[in-house]
Amino acid sequence: STLGDFIEDENNAPPDDSAMGQLLSERMEDVLASLSAREHRVLQLRFGLHDGRSYTLEEVGQKFGVTRERIRQIEAKALSKLRHPRRSRRLRDFLE
């Protein structure tokens, strides 16, 4: 053993945090896959689930060629679906 084996690397997350984050990402993808492709993509863009950047309603609307109001409606419908007990149950463990 060397001294380096016993010094914590503060730049890396603890292994259990990394594992939990990976599990949450997988669960989130499973839940989002239950939505329509359009709803899935809108939520990815709006909440930065794809590239870490959250896009505005206007920006997402431009990508889809629709108004920001239509994107707001699609987002609201998708979030409503995610609140359904059958879907939200899969993510509830991560909220406690």
PDB file of N, CA and C in Angstrom:
ATOM      1  N   SER A   1       0.831  -1.189   0.000  1.00  0.00           N
ATOM      2  CA  SER A   1       0.000   0.000   0.000  1.00  0.00           C
ATOM      3  C   SER A   1       0.872   1.249   0.000  1.00  0.00           C
ATOM      4  N   THR A   2       0.322   2.271  -0.610  1.00  0.00           N
ATOM      5  CA  THR A   2       1.006   3.561  -0.600  1.00  0.00           C
ATOM      6  C   THR A   2       0.106   4.578   0.088  1.00  0.00           C
ATOM      7  N   LEU A   3       0.670   5.705   0.431  1.00  0.00           N
ATOM      8  CA  LEU A   3      -0.100   6.761   1.083  1.00  0.00           C
ATOM      9  C   LEU A   3      -1.275   7.197   0.204  1.00  0.00           C
ATOM     10  N   GLY A   4      -1.076   7.202  -1.101  1.00  0.00           N
ATOM     11  CA  GLY A   4      -2.128   7.598  -2.038  1.00  0.00           C
ATOM     12  C   GLY A   4      -3.352   6.709  -1.988  1.00  0.00           C
ATOM     13  N   ASP A   5      -3.197   5.470  -1.544  1.00  0.00           N
ATOM     14  CA  ASP A   5      -4.332   4.556  -1.435  1.00  0.00           C
ATOM     15  C   ASP A   5      -5.296   4.979  -0.334  1.00  0.00           C
ATOM     16  N   PHE A   6      -4.834   5.788   0.604  1.00  0.00           N
ATOM     17  CA  PHE A   6      -5.643   6.147   1.761  1.00  0.00           C
ATOM     18  C   PHE A   6      -6.120   7.594   1.755  1.00  0.00           C
ATOM     19  N   ILE A   7      -5.712   8.364   0.765  1.00  0.00           N
ATOM     20  CA  ILE A   7      -6.108   9.768   0.677  1.00  0.00           C
ATOM     21  C   ILE A   7      -7.319   9.880  -0.239  1.00  0.00           C
ATOM     22  N   GLU A   8      -8.353  10.515   0.273  1.00  0.00           N
ATOM     23  CA  GLU A   8      -9.592  10.672  -0.487  1.00  0.00           C
ATOM     24  C   GLU A   8      -9.385  11.635  -1.651  1.00  0.00           C
ATOM     25  N   ASP A   9      -9.911  11.268  -2.812  1.00  0.00           N
ATOM     26  CA  ASP A   9      -9.873  12.139  -3.988  1.00  0.00           C
ATOM     27  C   ASP A   9     -11.110  13.024  -3.945  1.00  0.00           C
ATOM     28  N   GLU A  10     -10.931  14.290  -3.599  1.00  0.00           N
ATOM     29  CA  GLU A  10     -12.059  15.200  -3.451  1.00  0.00           C
ATOM     30  C   GLU A  10     -12.660  15.619  -4.786  1.00  0.00           C
ATOM     31  N   ASN A  11     -12.002  15.307  -5.897  1.00  0.00           N
ATOM     32  CA  ASN A  11     -12.518  15.669  -7.218  1.00  0.00           C
ATOM     33  C   ASN A  11     -13.550  14.678  -7.729  1.00  0.00           C
ATOM     34  N   ASN A  12     -13.577  13.492  -7.181  1.00  0.00           N
ATOM     35  CA  ASN A  12     -14.517  12.465  -7.624  1.00  0.00           C
ATOM     36  C   ASN A  12     -15.601  12.260  -6.580  1.00  0.00           C
ATOM     37  N   ALA A  13     -16.810  11.993  -7.053  1.00  0.00           N
ATOM     38  CA  ALA A  13     -17.917  11.703  -6.146  1.00  0.00           C
ATOM     39  C   ALA A  13     -17.693  10.335  -5.516  1.00  0.00           C
ATOM     40  N   PRO A  14     -18.189  10.155  -4.296  1.00  0.00           N
ATOM     41  CA  PRO A  14     -18.078   8.832  -3.673  1.00  0.00           C
ATOM     42  C   PRO A  14     -18.759   7.782  -4.550  1.00  0.00           C
ATOM     43  N   PRO A  15     -18.264   6.551  -4.534  1.00  0.00           N
ATOM     44  CA  PRO A  15     -18.826   5.507  -5.402  1.00  0.00           C
ATOM     45  C   PRO A  15     -20.329   5.302  -5.230  1.00  0.00           C
ATOM     46  N   ASP A  16     -20.830   5.389  -3.991  1.00  0.00           N
ATOM     47  CA  ASP A  16     -22.263   5.187  -3.799  1.00  0.00           C
ATOM     48  C   ASP A  16     -23.080   6.315  -4.416  1.00  0.00           C
ATOM     49  N   ASP A  17     -22.554   7.558  -4.417  1.00  0.00           N
ATOM     50  CA  ASP A  17     -23.240   8.665  -5.084  1.00  0.00           C
ATOM     51  C   ASP A  17     -23.262   8.451  -6.593  1.00  0.00           C
ATOM     52  N   SER A  18     -22.150   7.992  -7.144  1.00  0.00           N
ATOM     53  CA  SER A  18     -22.079   7.730  -8.584  1.00  0.00           C
ATOM     54  C   SER A  18     -23.056   6.634  -8.980  1.00  0.00           C
ATOM     55  N   ALA A  19     -23.116   5.579  -8.178  1.00  0.00           N
ATOM     56  CA  ALA A  19     -24.028   4.468  -8.473  1.00  0.00           C
ATOM     57  C   ALA A  19     -25.479   4.932  -8.393  1.00  0.00           C
ATOM     58  N   MET A  20     -25.804   5.736  -7.382  1.00  0.00           N
ATOM     59  CA  MET A  20     -27.168   6.233  -7.221  1.00  0.00           C
ATOM     60  C   MET A  20     -27.538   7.150  -8.384  1.00  0.00           C
ATOM     61  N   GLY A  21     -26.604   7.995  -8.807  1.00  0.00           N
ATOM     62  CA  GLY A  21     -26.850   8.881  -9.947  1.00  0.00           C
ATOM     63  C   GLY A  21     -27.086   8.106 -11.225  1.00  0.00           C
ATOM     64  N   GLN A  22     -26.318   7.051 -11.424  1.00  0.00           N
ATOM     65  CA  GLN A  22     -26.480   6.206 -12.608  1.00  0.00           C
ATOM     66  C   GLN A  22     -27.841   5.518 -12.589  1.00  0.00           C
ATOM     67  N   LEU A  23     -28.234   5.007 -11.423  1.00  0.00           N
ATOM     68  CA  LEU A  23     -29.528   4.341 -11.292  1.00  0.00           C
ATOM     69  C   LEU A  23     -30.665   5.325 -11.543  1.00  0.00           C
ATOM     70  N   LEU A  24     -30.542   6.535 -11.011  1.00  0.00           N
ATOM     71  CA  LEU A  24     -31.563   7.558 -11.240  1.00  0.00           C
ATOM     72  C   LEU A  24     -31.671   7.889 -12.723  1.00  0.00           C
ATOM     73  N   SER A  25     -30.542   8.027 -13.401  1.00  0.00           N
ATOM     74  CA  SER A  25     -30.553   8.317 -14.842  1.00  0.00           C
ATOM     75  C   SER A  25     -31.253   7.215 -15.622  1.00  0.00           C
ATOM     76  N   GLU A  26     -30.962   5.971 -15.268  1.00  0.00           N
ATOM     77  CA  GLU A  26     -31.597   4.840 -15.954  1.00  0.00           C
ATOM     78  C   GLU A  26     -33.098   4.817 -15.695  1.00  0.00           C
ATOM     79  N   ARG A  27     -33.501   5.044 -14.437  1.00  0.00           N
ATOM     80  CA  ARG A  27     -34.928   5.069 -14.105  1.00  0.00           C
ATOM     81  C   ARG A  27     -35.634   6.200 -14.836  1.00  0.00           C
ATOM     82  N   MET A  28     -34.974   7.366 -14.875  1.00  0.00           N
ATOM     83  CA  MET A  28     -35.562   8.524 -15.535  1.00  0.00           C
ATOM     84  C   MET A  28     -35.770   8.244 -17.015  1.00  0.00           C
ATOM     85  N   GLU A  29     -34.797   7.620 -17.649  1.00  0.00           N
ATOM     86  CA  GLU A  29     -34.932   7.267 -19.069  1.00  0.00           C
ATOM     87  C   GLU A  29     -36.083   6.289 -19.272  1.00  0.00           C
ATOM     88  N   ASP A  30     -36.227   5.315 -18.376  1.00  0.00           N
ATOM     89  CA  ASP A  30     -37.338   4.362 -18.469  1.00  0.00           C
ATOM     90  C   ASP A  30     -38.678   5.082 -18.387  1.00  0.00           C
ATOM     91  N   VAL A  31     -38.786   6.005 -17.444  1.00  0.00           N
ATOM     92  CA  VAL A  31     -40.037   6.744 -17.266  1.00  0.00           C
ATOM     93  C   VAL A  31     -40.302   7.634 -18.477  1.00  0.00           C
ATOM     94  N   LEU A  32     -39.282   8.334 -18.955  1.00  0.00           N
ATOM     95  CA  LEU A  32     -39.461   9.207 -20.119  1.00  0.00           C
ATOM     96  C   LEU A  32     -39.797   8.407 -21.375  1.00  0.00           C
ATOM     97  N   ALA A  33     -39.309   7.186 -21.454  1.00  0.00           N
ATOM     98  CA  ALA A  33     -39.595   6.343 -22.620  1.00  0.00           C
ATOM     99  C   ALA A  33     -41.075   5.986 -22.703  1.00  0.00           C
ATOM    100  N   SER A  34     -41.797   6.136 -21.591  1.00  0.00           N
ATOM    101  CA  SER A  34     -43.228   5.838 -21.608  1.00  0.00           C
ATOM    102  C   SER A  34     -44.040   6.989 -22.213  1.00  0.00           C
ATOM    103  N   LEU A  35     -43.392   8.114 -22.474  1.00  0.00           N
ATOM    104  CA  LEU A  35     -44.051   9.258 -23.107  1.00  0.00           C
ATOM    105  C   LEU A  35     -43.916   9.153 -24.623  1.00  0.00           C
ATOM    106  N   SER A  36     -44.649  10.005 -25.330  1.00  0.00           N
ATOM    107  CA  SER A  36     -44.466  10.061 -26.780  1.00  0.00           C
ATOM    108  C   SER A  36     -43.069  10.609 -27.061  1.00  0.00           C
ATOM    109  N   ALA A  37     -42.569  10.365 -28.253  1.00  0.00           N
ATOM    110  CA  ALA A  37     -41.232  10.834 -28.623  1.00  0.00           C
ATOM    111  C   ALA A  37     -41.143  12.357 -28.505  1.00  0.00           C
ATOM    112  N   ARG A  38     -42.194  13.038 -28.900  1.00  0.00           N
ATOM    113  CA  ARG A  38     -42.200  14.501 -28.845  1.00  0.00           C
ATOM    114  C   ARG A  38     -42.172  14.995 -27.398  1.00  0.00           C
ATOM    115  N   GLU A  39     -43.006  14.398 -26.541  1.00  0.00           N
ATOM    116  CA  GLU A  39     -43.033  14.792 -25.132  1.00  0.00           C
ATOM    117  C   GLU A  39     -41.678  14.529 -24.475  1.00  0.00           C
ATOM    118  N   HIS A  40     -41.107  13.376 -24.779  1.00  0.00           N
ATOM    119  CA  HIS A  40     -39.799  12.989 -24.246  1.00  0.00           C
ATOM    120  C   HIS A  40     -38.756  14.043 -24.611  1.00  0.00           C
ATOM    121  N   ARG A  41     -38.709  14.399 -25.881  1.00  0.00           N
ATOM    122  CA  ARG A  41     -37.707  15.354 -26.369  1.00  0.00           C
ATOM    123  C   ARG A  41     -37.926  16.749 -25.772  1.00  0.00           C
ATOM    124  N   VAL A  42     -39.182  17.162 -25.669  1.00  0.00           N
ATOM    125  CA  VAL A  42     -39.474  18.475 -25.086  1.00  0.00           C
ATOM    126  C   VAL A  42     -38.965  18.536 -23.645  1.00  0.00           C
ATOM    127  N   LEU A  43     -39.225  17.506 -22.854  1.00  0.00           N
ATOM    128  CA  LEU A  43     -38.757  17.507 -21.464  1.00  0.00           C
ATOM    129  C   LEU A  43     -37.235  17.458 -21.387  1.00  0.00           C
ATOM    130  N   GLN A  44     -36.621  16.689 -22.271  1.00  0.00           N
ATOM    131  CA  GLN A  44     -35.152  16.654 -22.299  1.00  0.00           C
ATOM    132  C   GLN A  44     -34.583  18.052 -22.515  1.00  0.00           C
ATOM    133  N   LEU A  45     -35.134  18.760 -23.480  1.00  0.00           N
ATOM    134  CA  LEU A  45     -34.632  20.093 -23.807  1.00  0.00           C
ATOM    135  C   LEU A  45     -34.965  21.114 -22.716  1.00  0.00           C
ATOM    136  N   ARG A  46     -36.191  21.087 -22.239  1.00  0.00           N
ATOM    137  CA  ARG A  46     -36.618  22.071 -21.243  1.00  0.00           C
ATOM    138  C   ARG A  46     -35.868  21.939 -19.922  1.00  0.00           C
ATOM    139  N   PHE A  47     -35.542  20.704 -19.523  1.00  0.00           N
ATOM    140  CA  PHE A  47     -34.919  20.490 -18.218  1.00  0.00           C
ATOM    141  C   PHE A  47     -33.441  20.130 -18.297  1.00  0.00           C
ATOM    142  N   GLY A  48     -32.850  20.221 -19.481  1.00  0.00           N
ATOM    143  CA  GLY A  48     -31.415  19.981 -19.615  1.00  0.00           C
ATOM    144  C   GLY A  48     -31.004  18.547 -19.366  1.00  0.00           C
ATOM    145  N   LEU A  49     -31.875  17.597 -19.678  1.00  0.00           N
ATOM    146  CA  LEU A  49     -31.586  16.186 -19.408  1.00  0.00           C
ATOM    147  C   LEU A  49     -30.668  15.562 -20.444  1.00  0.00           C
ATOM    148  N   HIS A  50     -30.491  16.231 -21.563  1.00  0.00           N
ATOM    149  CA  HIS A  50     -29.655  15.669 -22.627  1.00  0.00           C
ATOM    150  C   HIS A  50     -28.224  16.197 -22.547  1.00  0.00           C
ATOM    151  N   ASP A  51     -28.095  17.513 -22.561  1.00  0.00           N
ATOM    152  CA  ASP A  51     -26.752  18.100 -22.605  1.00  0.00           C
ATOM    153  C   ASP A  51     -26.453  19.027 -21.430  1.00  0.00           C
ATOM    154  N   GLY A  52     -27.342  19.045 -20.442  1.00  0.00           N
ATOM    155  CA  GLY A  52     -27.117  19.883 -19.270  1.00  0.00           C
ATOM    156  C   GLY A  52     -27.595  21.316 -19.429  1.00  0.00           C
ATOM    157  N   ARG A  53     -28.031  21.688 -20.619  1.00  0.00           N
ATOM    158  CA  ARG A  53     -28.520  23.044 -20.872  1.00  0.00           C
ATOM    159  C   ARG A  53     -30.039  23.031 -20.948  1.00  0.00           C
ATOM    160  N   SER A  54     -30.678  23.902 -20.186  1.00  0.00           N
ATOM    161  CA  SER A  54     -32.132  24.042 -20.237  1.00  0.00           C
ATOM    162  C   SER A  54     -32.487  25.074 -21.302  1.00  0.00           C
ATOM    163  N   TYR A  55     -33.339  24.694 -22.219  1.00  0.00           N
ATOM    164  CA  TYR A  55     -33.758  25.579 -23.301  1.00  0.00           C
ATOM    165  C   TYR A  55     -35.064  26.271 -22.926  1.00  0.00           C
ATOM    166  N   THR A  56     -35.262  27.480 -23.433  1.00  0.00           N
ATOM    167  CA  THR A  56     -36.499  28.222 -23.184  1.00  0.00           C
ATOM    168  C   THR A  56     -37.622  27.635 -24.039  1.00  0.00           C
ATOM    169  N   LEU A  57     -38.849  28.013 -23.685  1.00  0.00           N
ATOM    170  CA  LEU A  57     -39.997  27.594 -24.495  1.00  0.00           C
ATOM    171  C   LEU A  57     -39.818  28.056 -25.938  1.00  0.00           C
ATOM    172  N   GLU A  58     -39.338  29.270 -26.099  1.00  0.00           N
ATOM    173  CA  GLU A  58     -39.123  29.835 -27.440  1.00  0.00           C
ATOM    174  C   GLU A  58     -38.110  29.008 -28.227  1.00  0.00           C
ATOM    175  N   GLU A  59     -36.986  28.670 -27.601  1.00  0.00           N
ATOM    176  CA  GLU A  59     -35.940  27.891 -28.279  1.00  0.00           C
ATOM    177  C   GLU A  59     -36.441  26.500 -28.672  1.00  0.00           C
ATOM    178  N   VAL A  60     -37.166  25.866 -27.776  1.00  0.00           N
ATOM    179  CA  VAL A  60     -37.695  24.531 -28.082  1.00  0.00           C
ATOM    180  C   VAL A  60     -38.730  24.637 -29.193  1.00  0.00           C
ATOM    181  N   GLY A  61     -39.559  25.674 -29.132  1.00  0.00           N
ATOM    182  CA  GLY A  61     -40.547  25.896 -30.182  1.00  0.00           C
ATOM    183  C   GLY A  61     -39.903  26.046 -31.546  1.00  0.00           C
ATOM    184  N   GLN A  62     -38.787  26.751 -31.607  1.00  0.00           N
ATOM    185  CA  GLN A  62     -38.075  26.921 -32.878  1.00  0.00           C
ATOM    186  C   GLN A  62     -37.551  25.587 -33.393  1.00  0.00           C
ATOM    187  N   LYS A  63     -37.057  24.749 -32.498  1.00  0.00           N
ATOM    188  CA  LYS A  63     -36.548  23.436 -32.915  1.00  0.00           C
ATOM    189  C   LYS A  63     -37.657  22.560 -33.505  1.00  0.00           C
ATOM    190  N   PHE A  64     -38.869  22.692 -32.954  1.00  0.00           N
ATOM    191  CA  PHE A  64     -39.991  21.877 -33.417  1.00  0.00           C
ATOM    192  C   PHE A  64     -40.831  22.576 -34.482  1.00  0.00           C
ATOM    193  N   GLY A  65     -40.575  23.852 -34.697  1.00  0.00           N
ATOM    194  CA  GLY A  65     -41.354  24.596 -35.680  1.00  0.00           C
ATOM    195  C   GLY A  65     -42.764  24.900 -35.212  1.00  0.00           C
ATOM    196  N   VAL A  66     -42.919  25.101 -33.899  1.00  0.00           N
ATOM    197  CA  VAL A  66     -44.228  25.438 -33.329  1.00  0.00           C
ATOM    198  C   VAL A  66     -44.040  26.615 -32.369  1.00  0.00           C
ATOM    199  N   THR A  67     -45.158  27.141 -31.874  1.00  0.00           N
ATOM    200  CA  THR A  67     -45.085  28.281 -30.960  1.00  0.00           C
ATOM    201  C   THR A  67     -44.645  27.845 -29.565  1.00  0.00           C
ATOM    202  N   ARG A  68     -44.196  28.825 -28.796  1.00  0.00           N
ATOM    203  CA  ARG A  68     -43.808  28.505 -27.414  1.00  0.00           C
ATOM    204  C   ARG A  68     -45.024  28.068 -26.601  1.00  0.00           C
ATOM    205  N   GLU A  69     -46.195  28.584 -26.947  1.00  0.00           N
ATOM    206  CA  GLU A  69     -47.417  28.167 -26.256  1.00  0.00           C
ATOM    207  C   GLU A  69     -47.691  26.684 -26.492  1.00  0.00           C
ATOM    208  N   ARG A  70     -47.469  26.219 -27.708  1.00  0.00           N
ATOM    209  CA  ARG A  70     -47.671  24.792 -28.006  1.00  0.00           C
ATOM    210  C   ARG A  70     -46.673  23.943 -27.217  1.00  0.00           C
ATOM    211  N   ILE A  71     -45.431  24.400 -27.097  1.00  0.00           N
ATOM    212  CA  ILE A  71     -44.428  23.673 -26.311  1.00  0.00           C
ATOM    213  C   ILE A  71     -44.851  23.634 -24.849  1.00  0.00           C
ATOM    214  N   ARG A  72     -45.380  24.755 -24.343  1.00  0.00           N
ATOM    215  CA  ARG A  72     -45.855  24.791 -22.961  1.00  0.00           C
ATOM    216  C   ARG A  72     -46.953  23.756 -22.744  1.00  0.00           C
ATOM    217  N   GLN A  73     -47.864  23.631 -23.719  1.00  0.00           N
ATOM    218  CA  GLN A  73     -48.942  22.646 -23.623  1.00  0.00           C
ATOM    219  C   GLN A  73     -48.397  21.218 -23.633  1.00  0.00           C
ATOM    220  N   ILE A  74     -47.455  20.945 -24.524  1.00  0.00           N
ATOM    221  CA  ILE A  74     -46.847  19.605 -24.610  1.00  0.00           C
ATOM    222  C   ILE A  74     -46.127  19.283 -23.303  1.00  0.00           C
ATOM    223  N   GLU A  75     -45.382  20.254 -22.785  1.00  0.00           N
ATOM    224  CA  GLU A  75     -44.663  20.066 -21.522  1.00  0.00           C
ATOM    225  C   GLU A  75     -45.644  19.781 -20.378  1.00  0.00           C
ATOM    226  N   ALA A  76     -46.717  20.559 -20.302  1.00  0.00           N
ATOM    227  CA  ALA A  76     -47.706  20.381 -19.237  1.00  0.00           C
ATOM    228  C   ALA A  76     -48.350  18.998 -19.313  1.00  0.00           C
ATOM    229  N   LYS A  77     -48.676  18.560 -20.517  1.00  0.00           N
ATOM    230  CA  LYS A  77     -49.284  17.238 -20.689  1.00  0.00           C
ATOM    231  C   LYS A  77     -48.308  16.139 -20.268  1.00  0.00           C
ATOM    232  N   ALA A  78     -47.044  16.273 -20.656  1.00  0.00           N
ATOM    233  CA  ALA A  78     -46.026  15.273 -20.306  1.00  0.00           C
ATOM    234  C   ALA A  78     -45.820  15.222 -18.796  1.00  0.00           C
ATOM    235  N   LEU A  79     -45.737  16.376 -18.154  1.00  0.00           N
ATOM    236  CA  LEU A  79     -45.551  16.403 -16.700  1.00  0.00           C
ATOM    237  C   LEU A  79     -46.760  15.820 -15.981  1.00  0.00           C
ATOM    238  N   SER A  80     -47.933  16.067 -16.522  1.00  0.00           N
ATOM    239  CA  SER A  80     -49.143  15.484 -15.948  1.00  0.00           C
ATOM    240  C   SER A  80     -49.087  13.958 -16.017  1.00  0.00           C
ATOM    241  N   LYS A  81     -48.636  13.436 -17.142  1.00  0.00           N
ATOM    242  CA  LYS A  81     -48.491  11.982 -17.288  1.00  0.00           C
ATOM    243  C   LYS A  81     -47.483  11.433 -16.280  1.00  0.00           C
ATOM    244  N   LEU A  82     -46.390  12.175 -16.061  1.00  0.00           N
ATOM    245  CA  LEU A  82     -45.351  11.714 -15.135  1.00  0.00           C
ATOM    246  C   LEU A  82     -45.831  11.730 -13.685  1.00  0.00           C
ATOM    247  N   ARG A  83     -46.820  12.552 -13.394  1.00  0.00           N
ATOM    248  CA  ARG A  83     -47.356  12.610 -12.027  1.00  0.00           C
ATOM    249  C   ARG A  83     -48.284  11.437 -11.726  1.00  0.00           C
ATOM    250  N   HIS A  84     -48.672  10.707 -12.747  1.00  0.00           N
ATOM    251  CA  HIS A  84     -49.548   9.553 -12.544  1.00  0.00           C
ATOM    252  C   HIS A  84     -48.847   8.580 -11.598  1.00  0.00           C
ATOM    253  N   PRO A  85     -49.575   8.045 -10.616  1.00  0.00           N
ATOM    254  CA  PRO A  85     -48.945   7.163  -9.618  1.00  0.00           C
ATOM    255  C   PRO A  85     -48.141   6.003 -10.206  1.00  0.00           C
ATOM    256  N   ARG A  86     -48.607   5.445 -11.295  1.00  0.00           N
ATOM    257  CA  ARG A  86     -47.906   4.309 -11.898  1.00  0.00           C
ATOM    258  C   ARG A  86     -46.499   4.705 -12.354  1.00  0.00           C
ATOM    259  N   ARG A  87     -46.371   5.907 -12.885  1.00  0.00           N
ATOM    260  CA  ARG A  87     -45.059   6.365 -13.358  1.00  0.00           C
ATOM    261  C   ARG A  87     -44.230   6.973 -12.229  1.00  0.00           C
ATOM    262  N   SER A  88     -44.861   7.792 -11.400  1.00  0.00           N
ATOM    263  CA  SER A  88     -44.110   8.490 -10.349  1.00  0.00           C
ATOM    264  C   SER A  88     -43.566   7.530  -9.302  1.00  0.00           C
ATOM    265  N   ARG A  89     -44.192   6.391  -9.132  1.00  0.00           N
ATOM    266  CA  ARG A  89     -43.728   5.392  -8.161  1.00  0.00           C
ATOM    267  C   ARG A  89     -42.290   4.968  -8.455  1.00  0.00           C
ATOM    268  N   ARG A  90     -41.933   4.914  -9.732  1.00  0.00           N
ATOM    269  CA  ARG A  90     -40.586   4.472 -10.120  1.00  0.00           C
ATOM    270  C   ARG A  90     -39.495   5.446  -9.690  1.00  0.00           C
ATOM    271  N   LEU A  91     -39.870   6.697  -9.468  1.00  0.00           N
ATOM    272  CA  LEU A  91     -38.875   7.707  -9.093  1.00  0.00           C
ATOM    273  C   LEU A  91     -38.976   8.129  -7.625  1.00  0.00           C
ATOM    274  N   ARG A  92     -40.036   7.729  -6.954  1.00  0.00           N
ATOM    275  CA  ARG A  92     -40.295   8.184  -5.590  1.00  0.00           C
ATOM    276  C   ARG A  92     -39.146   7.867  -4.628  1.00  0.00           C
ATOM    277  N   ASP A  93     -38.494   6.721  -4.780  1.00  0.00           N
ATOM    278  CA  ASP A  93     -37.401   6.333  -3.883  1.00  0.00           C
ATOM    279  C   ASP A  93     -36.264   7.350  -3.887  1.00  0.00           C
ATOM    280  N   PHE A  94     -36.084   8.055  -4.989  1.00  0.00           N
ATOM    281  CA  PHE A  94     -34.979   9.006  -5.093  1.00  0.00           C
ATOM    282  C   PHE A  94     -35.305  10.349  -4.444  1.00  0.00           C
ATOM    283  N   LEU A  95     -36.566  10.561  -4.117  1.00  0.00           N
ATOM    284  CA  LEU A  95     -36.987  11.837  -3.548  1.00  0.00           C
ATOM    285  C   LEU A  95     -36.923  11.847  -2.030  1.00  0.00           C
ATOM    286  N   GLU A  96     -36.740  10.704  -1.423  1.00  0.00           N
ATOM    287  CA  GLU A  96     -36.732  10.613   0.044  1.00  0.00           C
ATOM    288  C   GLU A  96     -35.349  10.698   0.604  1.00  0.00           C
TER     289      GLU A  96
END
